[in-house]
Full PDB file with SEQRES, HELIX, SHEET, SSBOND, CRYST1, ORIGX, SCALE, CONECT and MASTER records, all heavy atoms in Angstrom:
SEQRES   1 A   40  ARG ILE THR GLU LEU ARG LEU PRO LEU ASN HIS ALA GLU          
SEQRES   2 A   40  ASP ALA LEU ARG PRO ALA ILE VAL LYS ARG LEU GLY ILE          
SEQRES   3 A   40  ARG ASP ALA GLN LEU ARG ARG PHE THR ILE PHE LYS ARG          
SEQRES   4 A   40  SER                                                          
HELIX    1 AA1 GLU A   13  ALA A   15  5                                   3    
HELIX    2 AA2 LEU A   16  LEU A   24  1                                   9    
HELIX    3 AA3 ASP A   28  GLN A   30  5                                   3    
CRYST1    1.000    1.000    1.000  90.00  90.00  90.00 P 1           1          
ORIGX1      1.000000  0.000000  0.000000        0.00000                         
ORIGX2      0.000000  1.000000  0.000000        0.00000                         
ORIGX3      0.000000  0.000000  1.000000        0.00000                         
SCALE1      1.000000  0.000000  0.000000        0.00000                         
SCALE2      0.000000  1.000000  0.000000        0.00000                         
SCALE3      0.000000  0.000000  1.000000        0.00000                         
ATOM      1  N   ARG A   1      58.636  47.838  86.540  1.00  0.00           N  
ATOM      2  CA  ARG A   1      60.091  47.693  86.584  1.00  0.00           C  
ATOM      3  C   ARG A   1      60.515  46.578  85.634  1.00  0.00           C  
ATOM      4  O   ARG A   1      60.006  45.449  85.706  1.00  0.00           O  
ATOM      5  CB  ARG A   1      60.575  47.391  88.001  1.00  0.00           C  
ATOM      6  CG  ARG A   1      62.075  47.078  88.072  1.00  0.00           C  
ATOM      7  CD  ARG A   1      62.622  47.198  89.474  1.00  0.00           C  
ATOM      8  NE  ARG A   1      62.588  48.592  89.925  1.00  0.00           N  
ATOM      9  CZ  ARG A   1      62.979  48.974  91.146  1.00  0.00           C  
ATOM     10  NH1 ARG A   1      63.404  48.082  92.018  1.00  0.00           N  
ATOM     11  NH2 ARG A   1      62.929  50.253  91.487  1.00  0.00           N  
ATOM     12  N   ILE A   2      61.464  46.913  84.752  1.00  0.00           N  
ATOM     13  CA  ILE A   2      62.076  45.927  83.858  1.00  0.00           C  
ATOM     14  C   ILE A   2      63.483  45.663  84.379  1.00  0.00           C  
ATOM     15  O   ILE A   2      64.254  46.605  84.618  1.00  0.00           O  
ATOM     16  CB  ILE A   2      62.165  46.442  82.403  1.00  0.00           C  
ATOM     17  CG1 ILE A   2      60.804  46.870  81.885  1.00  0.00           C  
ATOM     18  CG2 ILE A   2      62.763  45.376  81.496  1.00  0.00           C  
ATOM     19  CD1 ILE A   2      60.865  47.536  80.507  1.00  0.00           C  
ATOM     20  N   THR A   3      63.834  44.415  84.555  1.00  0.00           N  
ATOM     21  CA  THR A   3      65.188  44.045  84.944  1.00  0.00           C  
ATOM     22  C   THR A   3      65.864  43.281  83.803  1.00  0.00           C  
ATOM     23  O   THR A   3      65.198  42.786  82.888  1.00  0.00           O  
ATOM     24  CB  THR A   3      65.184  43.176  86.214  1.00  0.00           C  
ATOM     25  OG1 THR A   3      64.414  41.984  85.976  1.00  0.00           O  
ATOM     26  CG2 THR A   3      64.563  43.916  87.390  1.00  0.00           C  
ATOM     27  N   GLU A   4      67.174  43.212  83.860  1.00  0.00           N  
ATOM     28  CA  GLU A   4      67.960  42.443  82.875  1.00  0.00           C  
ATOM     29  C   GLU A   4      67.724  42.927  81.443  1.00  0.00           C  
ATOM     30  O   GLU A   4      67.636  42.121  80.502  1.00  0.00           O  
ATOM     31  CB  GLU A   4      67.665  40.942  82.984  1.00  0.00           C  
ATOM     32  CG  GLU A   4      68.189  40.296  84.236  1.00  0.00           C  
ATOM     33  CD  GLU A   4      69.721  40.204  84.257  1.00  0.00           C  
ATOM     34  OE1 GLU A   4      70.315  39.854  83.225  1.00  0.00           O  
ATOM     35  OE2 GLU A   4      70.296  40.490  85.322  1.00  0.00           O  
ATOM     36  N   LEU A   5      67.652  44.234  81.282  1.00  0.00           N  
ATOM     37  CA  LEU A   5      67.545  44.795  79.929  1.00  0.00           C  
ATOM     38  C   LEU A   5      68.958  45.061  79.427  1.00  0.00           C  
ATOM     39  O   LEU A   5      69.647  45.950  79.928  1.00  0.00           O  
ATOM     40  CB  LEU A   5      66.726  46.082  79.964  1.00  0.00           C  
ATOM     41  CG  LEU A   5      66.384  46.723  78.615  1.00  0.00           C  
ATOM     42  CD1 LEU A   5      65.520  45.781  77.771  1.00  0.00           C  
ATOM     43  CD2 LEU A   5      65.666  48.045  78.814  1.00  0.00           C  
ATOM     44  N   ARG A   6      69.380  44.294  78.439  1.00  0.00           N  
ATOM     45  CA  ARG A   6      70.778  44.319  77.995  1.00  0.00           C  
ATOM     46  C   ARG A   6      70.952  45.103  76.702  1.00  0.00           C  
ATOM     47  O   ARG A   6      70.193  44.906  75.750  1.00  0.00           O  
ATOM     48  CB  ARG A   6      71.289  42.883  77.804  1.00  0.00           C  
ATOM     49  CG  ARG A   6      71.394  42.111  79.111  1.00  0.00           C  
ATOM     50  CD  ARG A   6      71.692  40.629  78.908  1.00  0.00           C  
ATOM     51  NE  ARG A   6      71.946  40.003  80.187  1.00  0.00           N  
ATOM     52  CZ  ARG A   6      73.149  39.659  80.656  1.00  0.00           C  
ATOM     53  NH1 ARG A   6      74.227  39.890  79.908  1.00  0.00           N  
ATOM     54  NH2 ARG A   6      73.286  39.109  81.841  1.00  0.00           N  
ATOM     55  N   LEU A   7      71.984  45.971  76.719  1.00  0.00           N  
ATOM     56  CA  LEU A   7      72.330  46.735  75.528  1.00  0.00           C  
ATOM     57  C   LEU A   7      73.838  46.692  75.335  1.00  0.00           C  
ATOM     58  O   LEU A   7      74.595  46.581  76.322  1.00  0.00           O  
ATOM     59  CB  LEU A   7      71.870  48.192  75.664  1.00  0.00           C  
ATOM     60  CG  LEU A   7      70.359  48.454  75.627  1.00  0.00           C  
ATOM     61  CD1 LEU A   7      70.082  49.924  75.877  1.00  0.00           C  
ATOM     62  CD2 LEU A   7      69.766  48.016  74.298  1.00  0.00           C  
ATOM     63  N   PRO A   8      74.319  46.783  74.093  1.00  0.00           N  
ATOM     64  CA  PRO A   8      75.768  46.759  73.857  1.00  0.00           C  
ATOM     65  C   PRO A   8      76.473  47.891  74.589  1.00  0.00           C  
ATOM     66  O   PRO A   8      75.881  48.947  74.867  1.00  0.00           O  
ATOM     67  CB  PRO A   8      75.884  46.916  72.338  1.00  0.00           C  
ATOM     68  CG  PRO A   8      74.547  46.520  71.802  1.00  0.00           C  
ATOM     69  CD  PRO A   8      73.549  46.886  72.847  1.00  0.00           C  
ATOM     70  N   LEU A   9      77.741  47.702  74.879  1.00  0.00           N  
ATOM     71  CA  LEU A   9      78.514  48.686  75.625  1.00  0.00           C  
ATOM     72  C   LEU A   9      78.470  50.056  74.954  1.00  0.00           C  
ATOM     73  O   LEU A   9      78.345  51.087  75.627  1.00  0.00           O  
ATOM     74  CB  LEU A   9      79.961  48.201  75.750  1.00  0.00           C  
ATOM     75  CG  LEU A   9      80.892  49.039  76.615  1.00  0.00           C  
ATOM     76  CD1 LEU A   9      80.457  49.017  78.064  1.00  0.00           C  
ATOM     77  CD2 LEU A   9      82.332  48.522  76.493  1.00  0.00           C  
ATOM     78  N   ASN A  10      78.559  50.075  73.642  1.00  0.00           N  
ATOM     79  CA  ASN A  10      78.623  51.346  72.918  1.00  0.00           C  
ATOM     80  C   ASN A  10      77.281  51.728  72.302  1.00  0.00           C  
ATOM     81  O   ASN A  10      77.228  52.340  71.224  1.00  0.00           O  
ATOM     82  CB  ASN A  10      79.702  51.270  71.831  1.00  0.00           C  
ATOM     83  CG  ASN A  10      81.103  51.183  72.426  1.00  0.00           C  
ATOM     84  OD1 ASN A  10      81.483  52.010  73.256  1.00  0.00           O  
ATOM     85  ND2 ASN A  10      81.858  50.183  72.023  1.00  0.00           N  
ATOM     86  N   HIS A  11      76.210  51.404  72.983  1.00  0.00           N  
ATOM     87  CA  HIS A  11      74.900  51.729  72.415  1.00  0.00           C  
ATOM     88  C   HIS A  11      74.701  53.244  72.370  1.00  0.00           C  
ATOM     89  O   HIS A  11      75.285  54.004  73.150  1.00  0.00           O  
ATOM     90  CB  HIS A  11      73.783  51.049  73.213  1.00  0.00           C  
ATOM     91  CG  HIS A  11      73.572  51.606  74.602  1.00  0.00           C  
ATOM     92  ND1 HIS A  11      72.928  52.792  74.849  1.00  0.00           N  
ATOM     93  CD2 HIS A  11      73.912  51.108  75.823  1.00  0.00           C  
ATOM     94  CE1 HIS A  11      72.866  53.017  76.138  1.00  0.00           C  
ATOM     95  NE2 HIS A  11      73.473  52.017  76.762  1.00  0.00           N  
ATOM     96  N   ALA A  12      73.858  53.678  71.456  1.00  0.00           N  
ATOM     97  CA  ALA A  12      73.554  55.093  71.317  1.00  0.00           C  
ATOM     98  C   ALA A  12      72.789  55.603  72.528  1.00  0.00           C  
ATOM     99  O   ALA A  12      72.098  54.840  73.215  1.00  0.00           O  
ATOM    100  CB  ALA A  12      72.735  55.326  70.048  1.00  0.00           C  
ATOM    101  N   GLU A  13      72.911  56.890  72.814  1.00  0.00           N  
ATOM    102  CA  GLU A  13      72.252  57.472  73.974  1.00  0.00           C  
ATOM    103  C   GLU A  13      70.743  57.281  73.933  1.00  0.00           C  
ATOM    104  O   GLU A  13      70.098  57.118  74.968  1.00  0.00           O  
ATOM    105  CB  GLU A  13      72.573  58.969  74.063  1.00  0.00           C  
ATOM    106  CG  GLU A  13      73.945  59.265  74.641  1.00  0.00           C  
ATOM    107  CD  GLU A  13      74.117  60.749  74.921  1.00  0.00           C  
ATOM    108  OE1 GLU A  13      73.142  61.381  75.392  1.00  0.00           O  
ATOM    109  OE2 GLU A  13      75.206  61.269  74.665  1.00  0.00           O  
ATOM    110  N   ASP A  14      70.169  57.297  72.724  1.00  0.00           N  
ATOM    111  CA  ASP A  14      68.716  57.195  72.609  1.00  0.00           C  
ATOM    112  C   ASP A  14      68.250  55.763  72.368  1.00  0.00           C  
ATOM    113  O   ASP A  14      67.096  55.533  71.978  1.00  0.00           O  
ATOM    114  CB  ASP A  14      68.212  58.098  71.478  1.00  0.00           C  
ATOM    115  CG  ASP A  14      68.847  57.759  70.127  1.00  0.00           C  
ATOM    116  OD1 ASP A  14      69.702  56.844  70.082  1.00  0.00           O  
ATOM    117  OD2 ASP A  14      68.491  58.407  69.122  1.00  0.00           O  
ATOM    118  N   ALA A  15      69.107  54.766  72.619  1.00  0.00           N  
ATOM    119  CA  ALA A  15      68.745  53.371  72.329  1.00  0.00           C  
ATOM    120  C   ALA A  15      67.879  52.748  73.419  1.00  0.00           C  
ATOM    121  O   ALA A  15      67.234  51.710  73.199  1.00  0.00           O  
ATOM    122  CB  ALA A  15      70.010  52.527  72.145  1.00  0.00           C  
ATOM    123  N   LEU A  16      67.846  53.349  74.604  1.00  0.00           N  
ATOM    124  CA  LEU A  16      67.146  52.719  75.719  1.00  0.00           C  
ATOM    125  C   LEU A  16      65.628  52.752  75.533  1.00  0.00           C  
ATOM    126  O   LEU A  16      64.938  51.745  75.793  1.00  0.00           O  
ATOM    127  CB  LEU A  16      67.547  53.404  77.034  1.00  0.00           C  
ATOM    128  CG  LEU A  16      67.246  52.658  78.338  1.00  0.00           C  
ATOM    129  CD1 LEU A  16      67.775  51.231  78.300  1.00  0.00           C  
ATOM    130  CD2 LEU A  16      67.854  53.402  79.520  1.00  0.00           C  
ATOM    131  N   ARG A  17      65.116  53.865  75.068  1.00  0.00           N  
ATOM    132  CA  ARG A  17      63.656  53.966  74.907  1.00  0.00           C  
ATOM    133  C   ARG A  17      63.099  52.915  73.935  1.00  0.00           C  
ATOM    134  O   ARG A  17      62.158  52.198  74.293  1.00  0.00           O  
ATOM    135  CB  ARG A  17      63.266  55.376  74.473  1.00  0.00           C  
ATOM    136  CG  ARG A  17      61.758  55.574  74.373  1.00  0.00           C  
ATOM    137  CD  ARG A  17      61.367  56.977  73.933  1.00  0.00           C  
ATOM    138  NE  ARG A  17      59.929  57.090  73.880  1.00  0.00           N  
ATOM    139  CZ  ARG A  17      59.164  57.522  74.880  1.00  0.00           C  
ATOM    140  NH1 ARG A  17      59.728  57.894  76.016  1.00  0.00           N  
ATOM    141  NH2 ARG A  17      57.843  57.579  74.752  1.00  0.00           N  
ATOM    142  N   PRO A  18      63.652  52.784  72.719  1.00  0.00           N  
ATOM    143  CA  PRO A  18      63.125  51.736  71.836  1.00  0.00           C  
ATOM    144  C   PRO A  18      63.320  50.332  72.400  1.00  0.00           C  
ATOM    145  O   PRO A  18      62.495  49.440  72.138  1.00  0.00           O  
ATOM    146  CB  PRO A  18      63.892  51.933  70.526  1.00  0.00           C  
ATOM    147  CG  PRO A  18      65.038  52.818  70.852  1.00  0.00           C  
ATOM    148  CD  PRO A  18      64.635  53.641  72.003  1.00  0.00           C  
ATOM    149  N   ALA A  19      64.377  50.123  73.187  1.00  0.00           N  
ATOM    150  CA  ALA A  19      64.581  48.806  73.799  1.00  0.00           C  
ATOM    151  C   ALA A  19      63.484  48.514  74.817  1.00  0.00           C  
ATOM    152  O   ALA A  19      63.005  47.369  74.927  1.00  0.00           O  
ATOM    153  CB  ALA A  19      65.955  48.750  74.458  1.00  0.00           C  
ATOM    154  N   ILE A  20      63.062  49.533  75.569  1.00  0.00           N  
ATOM    155  CA  ILE A  20      61.977  49.365  76.539  1.00  0.00           C  
ATOM    156  C   ILE A  20      60.659  49.066  75.814  1.00  0.00           C  
ATOM    157  O   ILE A  20      59.913  48.148  76.188  1.00  0.00           O  
ATOM    158  CB  ILE A  20      61.834  50.626  77.413  1.00  0.00           C  
ATOM    159  CG1 ILE A  20      63.074  50.812  78.283  1.00  0.00           C  
ATOM    160  CG2 ILE A  20      60.579  50.554  78.271  1.00  0.00           C  
ATOM    161  CD1 ILE A  20      63.140  52.170  78.975  1.00  0.00           C  
ATOM    162  N   VAL A  21      60.382  49.830  74.766  1.00  0.00           N  
ATOM    163  CA  VAL A  21      59.153  49.642  74.000  1.00  0.00           C  
ATOM    164  C   VAL A  21      59.089  48.228  73.431  1.00  0.00           C  
ATOM    165  O   VAL A  21      58.048  47.545  73.508  1.00  0.00           O  
ATOM    166  CB  VAL A  21      59.066  50.702  72.878  1.00  0.00           C  
ATOM    167  CG1 VAL A  21      57.951  50.358  71.891  1.00  0.00           C  
ATOM    168  CG2 VAL A  21      58.864  52.091  73.470  1.00  0.00           C  
ATOM    169  N   LYS A  22      60.217  47.767  72.885  1.00  0.00           N  
ATOM    170  CA  LYS A  22      60.261  46.417  72.317  1.00  0.00           C  
ATOM    171  C   LYS A  22      60.080  45.364  73.395  1.00  0.00           C  
ATOM    172  O   LYS A  22      59.360  44.374  73.206  1.00  0.00           O  
ATOM    173  CB  LYS A  22      61.593  46.219  71.583  1.00  0.00           C  
ATOM    174  CG  LYS A  22      61.736  44.849  70.944  1.00  0.00           C  
ATOM    175  CD  LYS A  22      63.073  44.728  70.220  1.00  0.00           C  
ATOM    176  CE  LYS A  22      63.235  43.344  69.595  1.00  0.00           C  
ATOM    177  NZ  LYS A  22      64.544  43.211  68.898  1.00  0.00           N  
ATOM    178  N   ARG A  23      60.734  45.583  74.537  1.00  0.00           N  
ATOM    179  CA  ARG A  23      60.677  44.591  75.620  1.00  0.00           C  
ATOM    180  C   ARG A  23      59.262  44.439  76.160  1.00  0.00           C  
ATOM    181  O   ARG A  23      58.816  43.334  76.481  1.00  0.00           O  
ATOM    182  CB  ARG A  23      61.617  45.034  76.748  1.00  0.00           C  
ATOM    183  CG  ARG A  23      61.746  44.042  77.883  1.00  0.00           C  
ATOM    184  CD  ARG A  23      62.525  42.805  77.419  1.00  0.00           C  
ATOM    185  NE  ARG A  23      62.555  41.781  78.440  1.00  0.00           N  
ATOM    186  CZ  ARG A  23      61.523  40.994  78.739  1.00  0.00           C  
ATOM    187  NH1 ARG A  23      60.376  41.115  78.098  1.00  0.00           N  
ATOM    188  NH2 ARG A  23      61.643  40.070  79.678  1.00  0.00           N  
ATOM    189  N   LEU A  24      58.526  45.550  76.244  1.00  0.00           N  
ATOM    190  CA  LEU A  24      57.165  45.504  76.766  1.00  0.00           C  
ATOM    191  C   LEU A  24      56.126  45.178  75.692  1.00  0.00           C  
ATOM    192  O   LEU A  24      54.970  44.890  76.026  1.00  0.00           O  
ATOM    193  CB  LEU A  24      56.813  46.839  77.424  1.00  0.00           C  
ATOM    194  CG  LEU A  24      57.604  47.216  78.684  1.00  0.00           C  
ATOM    195  CD1 LEU A  24      57.189  48.596  79.174  1.00  0.00           C  
ATOM    196  CD2 LEU A  24      57.418  46.177  79.786  1.00  0.00           C  
ATOM    197  N   GLY A  25      56.545  45.258  74.434  1.00  0.00           N  
ATOM    198  CA  GLY A  25      55.608  44.975  73.348  1.00  0.00           C  
ATOM    199  C   GLY A  25      54.522  46.023  73.244  1.00  0.00           C  
ATOM    200  O   GLY A  25      53.339  45.702  73.041  1.00  0.00           O  
ATOM    201  N   ILE A  26      54.901  47.301  73.403  1.00  0.00           N  
ATOM    202  CA  ILE A  26      53.937  48.392  73.356  1.00  0.00           C  
ATOM    203  C   ILE A  26      54.325  49.383  72.258  1.00  0.00           C  
ATOM    204  O   ILE A  26      55.421  49.309  71.695  1.00  0.00           O  
ATOM    205  CB  ILE A  26      53.856  49.138  74.711  1.00  0.00           C  
ATOM    206  CG1 ILE A  26      55.226  49.742  75.075  1.00  0.00           C  
ATOM    207  CG2 ILE A  26      53.370  48.197  75.814  1.00  0.00           C  
ATOM    208  CD1 ILE A  26      55.229  50.574  76.340  1.00  0.00           C  
ATOM    209  N   ARG A  27      53.408  50.330  71.977  1.00  0.00           N  
ATOM    210  CA  ARG A  27      53.729  51.404  71.054  1.00  0.00           C  
ATOM    211  C   ARG A  27      54.527  52.482  71.782  1.00  0.00           C  
ATOM    212  O   ARG A  27      54.399  52.654  72.988  1.00  0.00           O  
ATOM    213  CB  ARG A  27      52.445  52.001  70.464  1.00  0.00           C  
ATOM    214  CG  ARG A  27      51.680  51.061  69.540  1.00  0.00           C  
ATOM    215  CD  ARG A  27      50.360  51.674  69.087  1.00  0.00           C  
ATOM    216  NE  ARG A  27      49.376  51.705  70.167  1.00  0.00           N  
ATOM    217  CZ  ARG A  27      49.035  52.787  70.841  1.00  0.00           C  
ATOM    218  NH1 ARG A  27      49.577  53.970  70.535  1.00  0.00           N  
ATOM    219  NH2 ARG A  27      48.126  52.736  71.806  1.00  0.00           N  
ATOM    220  N   ASP A  28      55.333  53.216  71.053  1.00  0.00           N  
ATOM    221  CA  ASP A  28      56.159  54.245  71.671  1.00  0.00           C  
ATOM    222  C   ASP A  28      55.309  55.261  72.439  1.00  0.00           C  
ATOM    223  O   ASP A  28      55.700  55.728  73.514  1.00  0.00           O  
ATOM    224  CB  ASP A  28      56.989  54.966  70.602  1.00  0.00           C  
ATOM    225  CG  ASP A  28      57.921  56.003  71.205  1.00  0.00           C  
ATOM    226  OD1 ASP A  28      59.009  55.624  71.676  1.00  0.00           O  
ATOM    227  OD2 ASP A  28      57.542  57.199  71.223  1.00  0.00           O  
ATOM    228  N   ALA A  29      54.127  55.572  71.905  1.00  0.00           N  
ATOM    229  CA  ALA A  29      53.271  56.562  72.550  1.00  0.00           C  
ATOM    230  C   ALA A  29      52.772  56.093  73.918  1.00  0.00           C  
ATOM    231  O   ALA A  29      52.362  56.907  74.756  1.00  0.00           O  
ATOM    232  CB  ALA A  29      52.088  56.894  71.646  1.00  0.00           C  
ATOM    233  N   GLN A  30      52.786  54.787  74.139  1.00  0.00           N  
ATOM    234  CA  GLN A  30      52.312  54.262  75.425  1.00  0.00           C  
ATOM    235  C   GLN A  30      53.341  54.450  76.544  1.00  0.00           C  
ATOM    236  O   GLN A  30      52.985  54.350  77.718  1.00  0.00           O  
ATOM    237  CB  GLN A  30      51.979  52.771  75.298  1.00  0.00           C  
ATOM    238  CG  GLN A  30      50.720  52.480  74.507  1.00  0.00           C  
ATOM    239  CD  GLN A  30      50.454  50.986  74.449  1.00  0.00           C  
ATOM    240  OE1 GLN A  30      50.823  50.317  73.482  1.00  0.00           O  
ATOM    241  NE2 GLN A  30      49.829  50.460  75.495  1.00  0.00           N  
ATOM    242  N   LEU A  31      54.595  54.690  76.203  1.00  0.00           N  
ATOM    243  CA  LEU A  31      55.643  54.893  77.208  1.00  0.00           C  
ATOM    244  C   LEU A  31      55.699  56.375  77.558  1.00  0.00           C  
ATOM    245  O   LEU A  31      56.245  57.189  76.811  1.00  0.00           O  
ATOM    246  CB  LEU A  31      56.996  54.408  76.676  1.00  0.00           C  
ATOM    247  CG  LEU A  31      58.207  54.589  77.615  1.00  0.00           C  
ATOM    248  CD1 LEU A  31      58.000  53.873  78.939  1.00  0.00           C  
ATOM    249  CD2 LEU A  31      59.484  54.095  76.935  1.00  0.00           C  
ATOM    250  N   ARG A  32      55.092  56.726  78.695  1.00  0.00           N  
ATOM    251  CA  ARG A  32      55.028  58.135  79.069  1.00  0.00           C  
ATOM    252  C   ARG A  32      56.389  58.658  79.534  1.00  0.00           C  
ATOM    253  O   ARG A  32      56.807  59.754  79.174  1.00  0.00           O  
ATOM    254  CB  ARG A  32      53.958  58.336  80.144  1.00  0.00           C  
ATOM    255  CG  ARG A  32      52.535  58.196  79.610  1.00  0.00           C  
ATOM    256  CD  ARG A  32      51.519  58.716  80.607  1.00  0.00           C  
ATOM    257  NE  ARG A  32      51.309  57.770  81.693  1.00  0.00           N  
ATOM    258  CZ  ARG A  32      50.176  57.133  81.929  1.00  0.00           C  
ATOM    259  NH1 ARG A  32      49.126  57.346  81.139  1.00  0.00           N  
ATOM    260  NH2 ARG A  32      50.049  56.302  82.938  1.00  0.00           N  
ATOM    261  N   ARG A  33      57.069  57.891  80.371  1.00  0.00           N  
ATOM    262  CA  ARG A  33      58.401  58.284  80.851  1.00  0.00           C  
ATOM    263  C   ARG A  33      59.067  57.064  81.462  1.00  0.00           C  
ATOM    264  O   ARG A  33      58.417  56.058  81.765  1.00  0.00           O  
ATOM    265  CB  ARG A  33      58.308  59.400  81.893  1.00  0.00           C  
ATOM    266  CG  ARG A  33      57.548  59.047  83.146  1.00  0.00           C  
ATOM    267  CD  ARG A  33      57.344  60.255  84.053  1.00  0.00           C  
ATOM    268  NE  ARG A  33      56.546  59.904  85.225  1.00  0.00           N  
ATOM    269  CZ  ARG A  33      57.050  59.470  86.381  1.00  0.00           C  
ATOM    270  NH1 ARG A  33      58.362  59.321  86.519  1.00  0.00           N  
ATOM    271  NH2 ARG A  33      56.257  59.174  87.399  1.00  0.00           N  
ATOM    272  N   PHE A  34      60.385  57.163  81.655  1.00  0.00           N  
ATOM    273  CA  PHE A  34      61.111  56.080  82.322  1.00  0.00           C  
ATOM    274  C   PHE A  34      62.310  56.678  83.055  1.00  0.00           C  
ATOM    275  O   PHE A  34      62.805  57.760  82.713  1.00  0.00           O  
ATOM    276  CB  PHE A  34      61.564  55.007  81.329  1.00  0.00           C  
ATOM    277  CG  PHE A  34      62.618  55.454  80.354  1.00  0.00           C  
ATOM    278  CD1 PHE A  34      63.978  55.305  80.655  1.00  0.00           C  
ATOM    279  CD2 PHE A  34      62.271  56.018  79.133  1.00  0.00           C  
ATOM    280  CE1 PHE A  34      64.948  55.720  79.767  1.00  0.00           C  
ATOM    281  CE2 PHE A  34      63.242  56.430  78.239  1.00  0.00           C  
ATOM    282  CZ  PHE A  34      64.589  56.278  78.547  1.00  0.00           C  
ATOM    283  N   THR A  35      62.744  55.976  84.073  1.00  0.00           N  
ATOM    284  CA  THR A  35      63.955  56.348  84.811  1.00  0.00           C  
ATOM    285  C   THR A  35      64.824  55.111  84.972  1.00  0.00           C  
ATOM    286  O   THR A  35      64.317  53.994  85.125  1.00  0.00           O  
ATOM    287  CB  THR A  35      63.640  56.922  86.204  1.00  0.00           C  
ATOM    288  OG1 THR A  35      62.877  55.967  86.958  1.00  0.00           O  
ATOM    289  CG2 THR A  35      62.859  58.219  86.102  1.00  0.00           C  
ATOM    290  N   ILE A  36      66.134  55.329  84.942  1.00  0.00           N  
ATOM    291  CA  ILE A  36      67.070  54.221  85.167  1.00  0.00           C  
ATOM    292  C   ILE A  36      67.217  54.015  86.671  1.00  0.00           C  
ATOM    293  O   ILE A  36      67.617  54.929  87.395  1.00  0.00           O  
ATOM    294  CB  ILE A  36      68.441  54.520  84.537  1.00  0.00           C  
ATOM    295  CG1 ILE A  36      68.304  54.748  83.034  1.00  0.00           C  
ATOM    296  CG2 ILE A  36      69.422  53.373  84.804  1.00  0.00           C  
ATOM    297  CD1 ILE A  36      69.591  55.255  82.377  1.00  0.00           C  
ATOM    298  N   PHE A  37      66.881  52.845  87.141  1.00  0.00           N  
ATOM    299  CA  PHE A  37      67.046  52.529  88.559  1.00  0.00           C  
ATOM    300  C   PHE A  37      68.439  51.970  88.850  1.00  0.00           C  
ATOM    301  O   PHE A  37      69.027  52.249  89.885  1.00  0.00           O  
ATOM    302  CB  PHE A  37      65.982  51.518  89.011  1.00  0.00           C  
ATOM    303  CG  PHE A  37      66.036  51.212  90.489  1.00  0.00           C  
ATOM    304  CD1 PHE A  37      65.478  52.093  91.403  1.00  0.00           C  
ATOM    305  CD2 PHE A  37      66.661  50.063  90.958  1.00  0.00           C  
ATOM    306  CE1 PHE A  37      65.535  51.834  92.768  1.00  0.00           C  
ATOM    307  CE2 PHE A  37      66.724  49.789  92.315  1.00  0.00           C  
ATOM    308  CZ  PHE A  37      66.157  50.685  93.227  1.00  0.00           C  
ATOM    309  N   LYS A  38      68.980  51.220  87.900  1.00  0.00           N  
ATOM    310  CA  LYS A  38      70.303  50.637  88.098  1.00  0.00           C  
ATOM    311  C   LYS A  38      70.937  50.351  86.749  1.00  0.00           C  
ATOM    312  O   LYS A  38      70.252  49.961  85.804  1.00  0.00           O  
ATOM    313  CB  LYS A  38      70.214  49.338  88.917  1.00  0.00           C  
ATOM    314  CG  LYS A  38      71.548  48.684  89.212  1.00  0.00           C  
ATOM    315  CD  LYS A  38      71.361  47.411  90.027  1.00  0.00           C  
ATOM    316  CE  LYS A  38      72.689  46.720  90.309  1.00  0.00           C  
ATOM    317  NZ  LYS A  38      72.502  45.464  91.069  1.00  0.00           N  
ATOM    318  N   ARG A  39      72.258  50.584  86.660  1.00  0.00           N  
ATOM    319  CA  ARG A  39      73.019  50.207  85.469  1.00  0.00           C  
ATOM    320  C   ARG A  39      74.292  49.504  85.911  1.00  0.00           C  
ATOM    321  O   ARG A  39      75.075  50.036  86.693  1.00  0.00           O  
ATOM    322  CB  ARG A  39      73.392  51.437  84.631  1.00  0.00           C  
ATOM    323  CG  ARG A  39      74.088  51.068  83.302  1.00  0.00           C  
ATOM    324  CD  ARG A  39      74.623  52.298  82.599  1.00  0.00           C  
ATOM    325  NE  ARG A  39      75.784  52.848  83.306  1.00  0.00           N  
ATOM    326  CZ  ARG A  39      76.166  54.115  83.233  1.00  0.00           C  
ATOM    327  NH1 ARG A  39      75.469  54.974  82.506  1.00  0.00           N  
ATOM    328  NH2 ARG A  39      77.226  54.539  83.900  1.00  0.00           N  
ATOM    329  N   SER A  40      74.487  48.297  85.430  1.00  0.00           N  
ATOM    330  CA  SER A  40      75.706  47.545  85.703  1.00  0.00           C  
ATOM    331  C   SER A  40      76.257  47.033  84.382  1.00  0.00           C  
ATOM    332  O   SER A  40      75.701  47.314  83.317  1.00  0.00           O  
ATOM    333  CB  SER A  40      75.424  46.380  86.661  1.00  0.00           C  
ATOM    334  OG  SER A  40      74.439  45.509  86.112  1.00  0.00           O  
TER     335      SER A  40                                                      
MASTER        0    0    0    3    0    0    0    6  334    1    0    4          
END                                                                             
């Protein structure tokens, strides 16, 4: 679980995946799937 992942209000629909990869410091292929638990 990643918390406090911040993106601009008008971010692109596909911006979340690269933000997760960057936050975890992993390669894109290592991220099998993700789900949004909360958005505020």
